[in-house]
Every structure is written in structure tokens, then in C-alpha cells.
Amino acid sequence: LLDPDTLEEVENGEEGMISIGEDDPGLFLEYWQLEEETAKAKHDGYFFTGDYAKRDEDGYIWFIGRKDDIINTFGFRVSPHEIERVVKTHDLVADCVAFGLEIGKDKVLVAIAVIGHDELTQEQEEEVLKFSQDNLAKYKAPKMIFG
């Protein structure tokens, strides 16, 4: 796990890019007929996967999300997959999608669109929103819900 700016390995608990040494025999040679994309992914002897993760104190690696999937909200980088995983545990929710909702220049809120098992009332949407806020870190929790 490397810091993509410094190419240094990140400490436990810090977010880093999953990177593979170009000399790794398991690394593929190139993206099929995409030379420019292949060149963009290679940096100073490493292939940058575009995936972010953290390593815990026990050495386990926890996937955060794809570089292009991450919601950047007020300086925090949030995986929509983590939000969706939590919201989907609510009994009223059949499916959902988390996304960044731009409310101004460089101002993005975490929002969630929810499909209920049945059509959700406004009261039920508020219940799902409160559930997500109670079960996620404050900066990760959706601030708006769409049903």
C-alpha cells in the first residue's frame, strides 16, 4: 500500500493505493489495446491498481474502494460501498446507492438513493437516514435521502 504522491509505503491504519511491483510475475503485461491507460497506471516500477485500502495492526488489508468511486466530502474520502453495505441491513431497504451530491463549488454531501421492499413514506425514509447516521461515522453518513 503506497502513498501515490510519495511512493512510500503507508503506515498501518493509513489509506494507500494497492500497488504491484512491475517485476511481479503475476502482473499482467498490459491493458488490451490500451497503451496509454497502461502507461498511466505504471509509476516508478509500480503498477497502480486504482484501488485504495488500509492495513490494520494485524496485517489484514481492508478494501476502501476504487479511486474513481470514492466520494470526496469536505476533505474526507468515503467508499460508497461501505455506506451501501450498512444501509442495506435496514429491514425497509431492498437496494440502495450512495453517491456524492455537489451542493456548491468544492462542497459535496454524501447522499443515498433507496428502494424499499414497498414504497417508502417520508417518515420511513427519515428512519433509514437516521439508521445510517447511527451506524456510520459522522463524516460517512448520508445527509440526504432520495426514495
N, C-alpha and C. Protein backbone atom coordinates (compact mmCIF):
# COMPACT_ATOMS: atom_id res chain seq x y z
N LEU A 1 0.86 -1.17 0.00
CA LEU A 1 0.00 0.00 0.00
C LEU A 1 0.90 1.23 0.00
N LEU A 2 0.81 1.99 -1.07
CA LEU A 2 1.69 3.15 -1.24
C LEU A 2 0.90 4.45 -1.25
N ASP A 3 1.56 5.49 -0.78
CA ASP A 3 1.05 6.84 -0.98
C ASP A 3 1.35 7.18 -2.44
N PRO A 4 0.33 7.42 -3.27
CA PRO A 4 0.61 7.63 -4.70
C PRO A 4 1.42 8.89 -4.99
N ASP A 5 1.47 9.83 -4.06
CA ASP A 5 2.24 11.05 -4.28
C ASP A 5 3.72 10.89 -3.96
N THR A 6 4.01 10.14 -2.87
CA THR A 6 5.40 10.00 -2.44
C THR A 6 6.02 8.65 -2.82
N LEU A 7 5.19 7.69 -3.20
CA LEU A 7 5.61 6.32 -3.50
C LEU A 7 6.19 5.61 -2.28
N GLU A 8 5.86 6.10 -1.09
CA GLU A 8 6.32 5.46 0.14
C GLU A 8 5.19 4.61 0.71
N GLU A 9 5.56 3.52 1.36
CA GLU A 9 4.57 2.65 1.97
C GLU A 9 3.88 3.40 3.12
N VAL A 10 2.56 3.26 3.21
CA VAL A 10 1.81 3.94 4.26
C VAL A 10 1.86 3.13 5.55
N GLU A 11 1.65 3.82 6.66
CA GLU A 11 1.63 3.18 7.98
C GLU A 11 0.32 2.41 8.15
N ASN A 12 0.30 1.49 9.12
CA ASN A 12 -0.95 0.80 9.47
C ASN A 12 -2.02 1.83 9.80
N GLY A 13 -3.23 1.59 9.31
CA GLY A 13 -4.35 2.50 9.57
C GLY A 13 -4.46 3.64 8.58
N GLU A 14 -3.44 3.84 7.75
CA GLU A 14 -3.48 4.90 6.75
C GLU A 14 -3.94 4.34 5.41
N GLU A 15 -4.64 5.17 4.66
CA GLU A 15 -5.13 4.79 3.35
C GLU A 15 -3.99 4.84 2.33
N GLY A 16 -3.93 3.83 1.49
CA GLY A 16 -2.92 3.81 0.44
C GLY A 16 -3.45 3.13 -0.81
N MET A 17 -2.75 3.35 -1.91
CA MET A 17 -3.10 2.73 -3.19
C MET A 17 -2.50 1.33 -3.23
N ILE A 18 -3.32 0.34 -3.59
CA ILE A 18 -2.80 -1.00 -3.79
C ILE A 18 -1.92 -0.96 -5.03
N SER A 19 -0.65 -1.27 -4.85
CA SER A 19 0.33 -1.16 -5.93
C SER A 19 1.09 -2.48 -6.05
N ILE A 20 1.42 -2.84 -7.28
CA ILE A 20 2.10 -4.10 -7.54
C ILE A 20 3.41 -3.79 -8.26
N GLY A 21 4.49 -4.35 -7.78
CA GLY A 21 5.78 -4.16 -8.44
C GLY A 21 5.71 -4.65 -9.88
N GLU A 22 6.26 -3.87 -10.80
CA GLU A 22 6.21 -4.26 -12.22
C GLU A 22 6.96 -5.55 -12.49
N ASP A 23 7.85 -5.96 -11.58
CA ASP A 23 8.59 -7.20 -11.77
C ASP A 23 7.84 -8.42 -11.20
N ASP A 24 6.64 -8.22 -10.63
CA ASP A 24 5.85 -9.32 -10.08
C ASP A 24 5.42 -10.24 -11.22
N PRO A 25 5.74 -11.53 -11.13
CA PRO A 25 5.39 -12.45 -12.23
C PRO A 25 3.88 -12.62 -12.42
N GLY A 26 3.09 -12.25 -11.43
CA GLY A 26 1.64 -12.38 -11.55
C GLY A 26 0.98 -11.17 -12.19
N LEU A 27 1.74 -10.11 -12.43
CA LEU A 27 1.18 -8.89 -13.01
C LEU A 27 0.99 -9.07 -14.51
N PHE A 28 -0.18 -8.67 -15.00
CA PHE A 28 -0.43 -8.76 -16.44
C PHE A 28 0.50 -7.80 -17.19
N LEU A 29 0.65 -8.03 -18.48
CA LEU A 29 1.57 -7.22 -19.27
C LEU A 29 1.02 -5.85 -19.60
N GLU A 30 -0.25 -5.78 -20.02
CA GLU A 30 -0.83 -4.50 -20.42
C GLU A 30 -2.34 -4.64 -20.55
N TYR A 31 -3.02 -3.49 -20.53
CA TYR A 31 -4.44 -3.47 -20.88
C TYR A 31 -4.55 -3.74 -22.38
N TRP A 32 -5.45 -4.59 -22.77
CA TRP A 32 -5.61 -4.97 -24.17
C TRP A 32 -5.90 -3.75 -25.04
N GLN A 33 -4.99 -3.45 -25.94
CA GLN A 33 -5.10 -2.37 -26.92
C GLN A 33 -5.33 -1.00 -26.27
N LEU A 34 -4.82 -0.81 -25.05
CA LEU A 34 -4.94 0.47 -24.35
C LEU A 34 -3.56 0.87 -23.82
N GLU A 35 -2.66 1.18 -24.71
CA GLU A 35 -1.29 1.51 -24.32
C GLU A 35 -1.22 2.73 -23.39
N GLU A 36 -2.02 3.75 -23.68
CA GLU A 36 -2.00 4.97 -22.85
C GLU A 36 -2.47 4.68 -21.43
N GLU A 37 -3.53 3.88 -21.29
CA GLU A 37 -4.04 3.52 -19.97
C GLU A 37 -3.00 2.71 -19.19
N THR A 38 -2.33 1.82 -19.89
CA THR A 38 -1.27 1.03 -19.25
C THR A 38 -0.15 1.95 -18.76
N ALA A 39 0.25 2.88 -19.61
CA ALA A 39 1.34 3.81 -19.24
C ALA A 39 0.94 4.67 -18.05
N LYS A 40 -0.32 5.11 -17.98
CA LYS A 40 -0.80 5.94 -16.86
C LYS A 40 -0.76 5.18 -15.54
N ALA A 41 -0.96 3.86 -15.60
CA ALA A 41 -1.03 3.06 -14.37
C ALA A 41 0.34 2.68 -13.83
N LYS A 42 1.39 2.87 -14.63
CA LYS A 42 2.73 2.48 -14.20
C LYS A 42 3.51 3.70 -13.72
N HIS A 43 4.09 3.56 -12.50
CA HIS A 43 4.84 4.66 -11.89
C HIS A 43 6.07 4.12 -11.17
N ASP A 44 7.22 4.53 -11.61
CA ASP A 44 8.47 4.23 -10.89
C ASP A 44 8.58 2.78 -10.44
N GLY A 45 8.30 1.86 -11.34
CA GLY A 45 8.44 0.44 -11.02
C GLY A 45 7.22 -0.20 -10.41
N TYR A 46 6.12 0.54 -10.28
CA TYR A 46 4.89 0.00 -9.70
C TYR A 46 3.73 0.14 -10.68
N PHE A 47 2.80 -0.81 -10.57
CA PHE A 47 1.52 -0.70 -11.27
C PHE A 47 0.50 -0.26 -10.24
N PHE A 48 -0.12 0.89 -10.45
CA PHE A 48 -1.15 1.41 -9.54
C PHE A 48 -2.50 0.84 -9.97
N THR A 49 -3.13 0.09 -9.08
CA THR A 49 -4.38 -0.59 -9.42
C THR A 49 -5.57 0.35 -9.48
N GLY A 50 -5.49 1.49 -8.79
CA GLY A 50 -6.66 2.36 -8.69
C GLY A 50 -7.53 2.02 -7.50
N ASP A 51 -7.13 1.00 -6.73
CA ASP A 51 -7.87 0.58 -5.55
C ASP A 51 -7.18 1.12 -4.30
N TYR A 52 -7.99 1.62 -3.37
CA TYR A 52 -7.47 2.10 -2.09
C TYR A 52 -7.82 1.12 -0.98
N ALA A 53 -6.92 1.00 -0.01
CA ALA A 53 -7.12 0.10 1.11
C ALA A 53 -6.36 0.61 2.33
N LYS A 54 -6.64 -0.01 3.48
CA LYS A 54 -5.90 0.26 4.71
C LYS A 54 -5.45 -1.09 5.27
N ARG A 55 -4.31 -1.09 5.96
CA ARG A 55 -3.81 -2.29 6.63
C ARG A 55 -4.02 -2.07 8.12
N ASP A 56 -4.60 -3.07 8.81
CA ASP A 56 -4.78 -2.93 10.25
C ASP A 56 -3.54 -3.42 11.01
N GLU A 57 -3.60 -3.34 12.33
CA GLU A 57 -2.45 -3.70 13.17
C GLU A 57 -2.06 -5.17 13.04
N ASP A 58 -3.03 -6.02 12.63
CA ASP A 58 -2.76 -7.44 12.47
C ASP A 58 -2.25 -7.80 11.08
N GLY A 59 -2.11 -6.79 10.22
CA GLY A 59 -1.62 -7.03 8.87
C GLY A 59 -2.70 -7.31 7.83
N TYR A 60 -3.97 -7.30 8.27
CA TYR A 60 -5.06 -7.52 7.32
C TYR A 60 -5.28 -6.26 6.50
N ILE A 61 -5.58 -6.45 5.22
CA ILE A 61 -5.83 -5.32 4.33
C ILE A 61 -7.33 -5.19 4.12
N TRP A 62 -7.84 -3.96 4.32
CA TRP A 62 -9.26 -3.67 4.20
C TRP A 62 -9.49 -2.78 2.99
N PHE A 63 -10.24 -3.29 2.04
CA PHE A 63 -10.54 -2.57 0.81
C PHE A 63 -11.42 -1.36 1.12
N ILE A 64 -11.08 -0.21 0.57
CA ILE A 64 -11.87 1.01 0.75
C ILE A 64 -12.71 1.29 -0.49
N GLY A 65 -12.09 1.23 -1.64
CA GLY A 65 -12.85 1.46 -2.87
C GLY A 65 -11.94 1.84 -4.01
N ARG A 66 -12.53 1.96 -5.19
CA ARG A 66 -11.82 2.38 -6.38
C ARG A 66 -11.57 3.88 -6.32
N LYS A 67 -10.45 4.29 -6.89
CA LYS A 67 -10.11 5.71 -6.93
C LYS A 67 -11.23 6.52 -7.55
N ASP A 68 -11.85 5.98 -8.61
CA ASP A 68 -12.89 6.72 -9.29
C ASP A 68 -14.28 6.53 -8.67
N ASP A 69 -14.39 5.69 -7.63
CA ASP A 69 -15.66 5.50 -6.93
C ASP A 69 -15.75 6.32 -5.64
N ILE A 70 -14.63 6.76 -5.15
CA ILE A 70 -14.56 7.41 -3.84
C ILE A 70 -15.31 8.74 -3.85
N ILE A 71 -16.07 8.98 -2.78
CA ILE A 71 -16.75 10.26 -2.59
C ILE A 71 -15.82 11.13 -1.76
N ASN A 72 -15.45 12.29 -2.28
CA ASN A 72 -14.61 13.22 -1.54
C ASN A 72 -15.53 14.28 -0.94
N THR A 73 -15.77 14.18 0.36
CA THR A 73 -16.70 15.07 1.04
C THR A 73 -15.98 15.86 2.12
N PHE A 74 -15.81 17.13 1.88
CA PHE A 74 -15.17 18.05 2.83
C PHE A 74 -13.84 17.52 3.35
N GLY A 75 -13.04 16.99 2.42
CA GLY A 75 -11.70 16.52 2.77
C GLY A 75 -11.63 15.07 3.21
N PHE A 76 -12.76 14.42 3.40
CA PHE A 76 -12.79 13.00 3.76
C PHE A 76 -13.06 12.18 2.51
N ARG A 77 -12.37 11.04 2.42
CA ARG A 77 -12.57 10.13 1.29
C ARG A 77 -13.42 8.97 1.80
N VAL A 78 -14.58 8.78 1.17
CA VAL A 78 -15.57 7.82 1.65
C VAL A 78 -15.91 6.82 0.55
N SER A 79 -15.94 5.55 0.92
CA SER A 79 -16.33 4.50 -0.02
C SER A 79 -17.85 4.37 -0.05
N PRO A 80 -18.46 4.52 -1.22
CA PRO A 80 -19.91 4.34 -1.31
C PRO A 80 -20.31 2.91 -0.96
N HIS A 81 -19.43 1.95 -1.21
CA HIS A 81 -19.75 0.55 -0.94
C HIS A 81 -19.97 0.29 0.55
N GLU A 82 -19.17 0.94 1.39
CA GLU A 82 -19.33 0.77 2.84
C GLU A 82 -20.68 1.32 3.29
N ILE A 83 -21.06 2.49 2.77
CA ILE A 83 -22.34 3.09 3.13
C ILE A 83 -23.48 2.18 2.69
N GLU A 84 -23.41 1.73 1.45
CA GLU A 84 -24.47 0.86 0.91
C GLU A 84 -24.59 -0.42 1.72
N ARG A 85 -23.47 -0.99 2.11
CA ARG A 85 -23.48 -2.23 2.88
C ARG A 85 -24.24 -2.05 4.20
N VAL A 86 -24.05 -0.90 4.85
CA VAL A 86 -24.73 -0.63 6.12
C VAL A 86 -26.22 -0.36 5.89
N VAL A 87 -26.54 0.50 4.94
CA VAL A 87 -27.94 0.89 4.70
C VAL A 87 -28.77 -0.33 4.30
N LYS A 88 -28.19 -1.25 3.53
CA LYS A 88 -28.93 -2.42 3.07
C LYS A 88 -29.29 -3.37 4.22
N THR A 89 -28.71 -3.19 5.40
CA THR A 89 -29.07 -4.04 6.53
C THR A 89 -30.38 -3.61 7.18
N HIS A 90 -30.88 -2.43 6.83
CA HIS A 90 -32.17 -1.98 7.39
C HIS A 90 -33.30 -2.78 6.74
N ASP A 91 -34.25 -3.21 7.55
CA ASP A 91 -35.34 -4.07 7.08
C ASP A 91 -36.19 -3.45 5.97
N LEU A 92 -36.29 -2.14 5.92
CA LEU A 92 -37.13 -1.49 4.92
C LEU A 92 -36.44 -1.39 3.55
N VAL A 93 -35.13 -1.60 3.50
CA VAL A 93 -34.35 -1.33 2.29
C VAL A 93 -34.14 -2.60 1.46
N ALA A 94 -34.56 -2.54 0.18
CA ALA A 94 -34.31 -3.63 -0.76
C ALA A 94 -32.98 -3.40 -1.48
N ASP A 95 -32.70 -2.14 -1.83
CA ASP A 95 -31.45 -1.81 -2.50
C ASP A 95 -31.19 -0.32 -2.33
N CYS A 96 -29.95 0.08 -2.58
CA CYS A 96 -29.61 1.49 -2.45
C CYS A 96 -28.32 1.79 -3.19
N VAL A 97 -28.08 3.07 -3.38
CA VAL A 97 -26.82 3.51 -3.97
C VAL A 97 -26.40 4.80 -3.26
N ALA A 98 -25.15 4.85 -2.84
CA ALA A 98 -24.60 6.05 -2.21
C ALA A 98 -23.83 6.83 -3.26
N PHE A 99 -23.89 8.16 -3.15
CA PHE A 99 -23.21 9.00 -4.13
C PHE A 99 -22.89 10.35 -3.52
N GLY A 100 -22.01 11.07 -4.18
CA GLY A 100 -21.69 12.43 -3.76
C GLY A 100 -22.62 13.40 -4.46
N LEU A 101 -23.24 14.28 -3.69
CA LEU A 101 -24.17 15.28 -4.22
C LEU A 101 -23.51 16.64 -4.09
N GLU A 102 -23.15 17.22 -5.24
CA GLU A 102 -22.47 18.51 -5.23
C GLU A 102 -23.48 19.61 -4.90
N ILE A 103 -23.20 20.37 -3.83
CA ILE A 103 -24.11 21.44 -3.42
C ILE A 103 -23.49 22.81 -3.63
N GLY A 104 -22.28 22.84 -4.08
CA GLY A 104 -21.58 24.10 -4.35
C GLY A 104 -20.16 23.79 -4.79
N LYS A 105 -19.43 24.83 -5.12
CA LYS A 105 -18.05 24.63 -5.55
C LYS A 105 -17.25 23.98 -4.42
N ASP A 106 -16.69 22.80 -4.71
CA ASP A 106 -15.90 22.03 -3.74
C ASP A 106 -16.69 21.65 -2.50
N LYS A 107 -18.00 21.55 -2.62
CA LYS A 107 -18.86 21.13 -1.49
C LYS A 107 -19.69 19.94 -1.94
N VAL A 108 -19.37 18.77 -1.38
CA VAL A 108 -20.07 17.54 -1.75
C VAL A 108 -20.61 16.87 -0.48
N LEU A 109 -21.89 16.58 -0.50
CA LEU A 109 -22.52 15.85 0.60
C LEU A 109 -22.66 14.39 0.21
N VAL A 110 -22.61 13.51 1.20
CA VAL A 110 -22.91 12.11 0.97
C VAL A 110 -24.43 11.98 0.95
N ALA A 111 -24.95 11.36 -0.09
CA ALA A 111 -26.39 11.15 -0.22
C ALA A 111 -26.64 9.68 -0.54
N ILE A 112 -27.89 9.26 -0.37
CA ILE A 112 -28.27 7.87 -0.64
C ILE A 112 -29.62 7.85 -1.34
N ALA A 113 -29.72 7.02 -2.36
CA ALA A 113 -31.00 6.75 -3.02
C ALA A 113 -31.41 5.34 -2.62
N VAL A 114 -32.65 5.20 -2.17
CA VAL A 114 -33.10 3.95 -1.57
C VAL A 114 -34.33 3.42 -2.30
N ILE A 115 -34.33 2.12 -2.51
CA ILE A 115 -35.52 1.42 -2.99
C ILE A 115 -35.97 0.53 -1.85
N GLY A 116 -37.21 0.72 -1.42
CA GLY A 116 -37.74 -0.09 -0.34
C GLY A 116 -38.38 -1.36 -0.87
N HIS A 117 -38.63 -2.30 0.04
CA HIS A 117 -39.36 -3.51 -0.35
C HIS A 117 -40.76 -3.10 -0.81
N ASP A 118 -41.29 -2.06 -0.16
CA ASP A 118 -42.53 -1.40 -0.56
C ASP A 118 -42.19 0.08 -0.70
N GLU A 119 -43.08 0.85 -1.28
CA GLU A 119 -42.83 2.29 -1.40
C GLU A 119 -42.67 2.89 0.00
N LEU A 120 -41.61 3.67 0.18
CA LEU A 120 -41.30 4.23 1.49
C LEU A 120 -42.03 5.56 1.69
N THR A 121 -42.57 5.75 2.89
CA THR A 121 -43.14 7.04 3.25
C THR A 121 -42.00 7.97 3.63
N GLN A 122 -42.29 9.25 3.74
CA GLN A 122 -41.26 10.21 4.16
C GLN A 122 -40.75 9.86 5.56
N GLU A 123 -41.65 9.41 6.41
CA GLU A 123 -41.27 9.01 7.77
C GLU A 123 -40.31 7.82 7.74
N GLN A 124 -40.56 6.86 6.87
CA GLN A 124 -39.69 5.69 6.75
C GLN A 124 -38.33 6.08 6.16
N GLU A 125 -38.33 7.00 5.19
CA GLU A 125 -37.06 7.49 4.63
C GLU A 125 -36.23 8.13 5.74
N GLU A 126 -36.88 8.93 6.58
CA GLU A 126 -36.17 9.56 7.69
C GLU A 126 -35.63 8.52 8.67
N GLU A 127 -36.39 7.44 8.87
CA GLU A 127 -35.93 6.35 9.74
C GLU A 127 -34.67 5.69 9.17
N VAL A 128 -34.66 5.45 7.85
CA VAL A 128 -33.49 4.85 7.20
C VAL A 128 -32.29 5.81 7.28
N LEU A 129 -32.54 7.09 7.07
CA LEU A 129 -31.46 8.09 7.16
C LEU A 129 -30.88 8.12 8.57
N LYS A 130 -31.74 8.13 9.58
CA LYS A 130 -31.27 8.12 10.97
C LYS A 130 -30.51 6.84 11.28
N PHE A 131 -30.99 5.71 10.78
CA PHE A 131 -30.31 4.42 10.96
C PHE A 131 -28.88 4.49 10.41
N SER A 132 -28.76 5.05 9.21
CA SER A 132 -27.42 5.15 8.61
C SER A 132 -26.53 6.08 9.41
N GLN A 133 -27.09 7.16 9.92
CA GLN A 133 -26.31 8.11 10.72
C GLN A 133 -25.91 7.52 12.07
N ASP A 134 -26.73 6.62 12.59
CA ASP A 134 -26.41 5.96 13.86
C ASP A 134 -25.37 4.85 13.69
N ASN A 135 -25.21 4.34 12.47
CA ASN A 135 -24.36 3.17 12.25
C ASN A 135 -23.13 3.43 11.40
N LEU A 136 -22.90 4.68 11.05
CA LEU A 136 -21.71 5.05 10.29
C LEU A 136 -21.03 6.23 10.98
N ALA A 137 -19.74 6.37 10.75
CA ALA A 137 -19.03 7.54 11.26
C ALA A 137 -19.71 8.79 10.71
N LYS A 138 -19.68 9.85 11.46
CA LYS A 138 -20.41 11.07 11.08
C LYS A 138 -20.06 11.55 9.67
N TYR A 139 -18.79 11.51 9.31
CA TYR A 139 -18.38 12.02 8.00
C TYR A 139 -18.80 11.08 6.86
N LYS A 140 -19.10 9.81 7.18
CA LYS A 140 -19.51 8.85 6.16
C LYS A 140 -21.03 8.79 5.98
N ALA A 141 -21.75 9.20 7.00
CA ALA A 141 -23.20 9.03 6.99
C ALA A 141 -23.88 9.95 5.98
N PRO A 142 -24.86 9.43 5.24
CA PRO A 142 -25.59 10.28 4.30
C PRO A 142 -26.31 11.41 5.02
N LYS A 143 -26.33 12.55 4.35
CA LYS A 143 -27.01 13.73 4.89
C LYS A 143 -28.36 13.93 4.21
N MET A 144 -28.53 13.28 3.04
CA MET A 144 -29.79 13.38 2.31
C MET A 144 -30.18 11.99 1.81
N ILE A 145 -31.49 11.80 1.66
CA ILE A 145 -32.00 10.52 1.17
C ILE A 145 -33.02 10.79 0.07
N PHE A 146 -32.99 9.95 -0.93
CA PHE A 146 -33.94 10.03 -2.03
C PHE A 146 -34.60 8.67 -2.15
N GLY A 147 -35.95 8.66 -2.19
CA GLY A 147 -36.68 7.40 -2.28
C GLY A 147 -37.35 7.22 -3.61
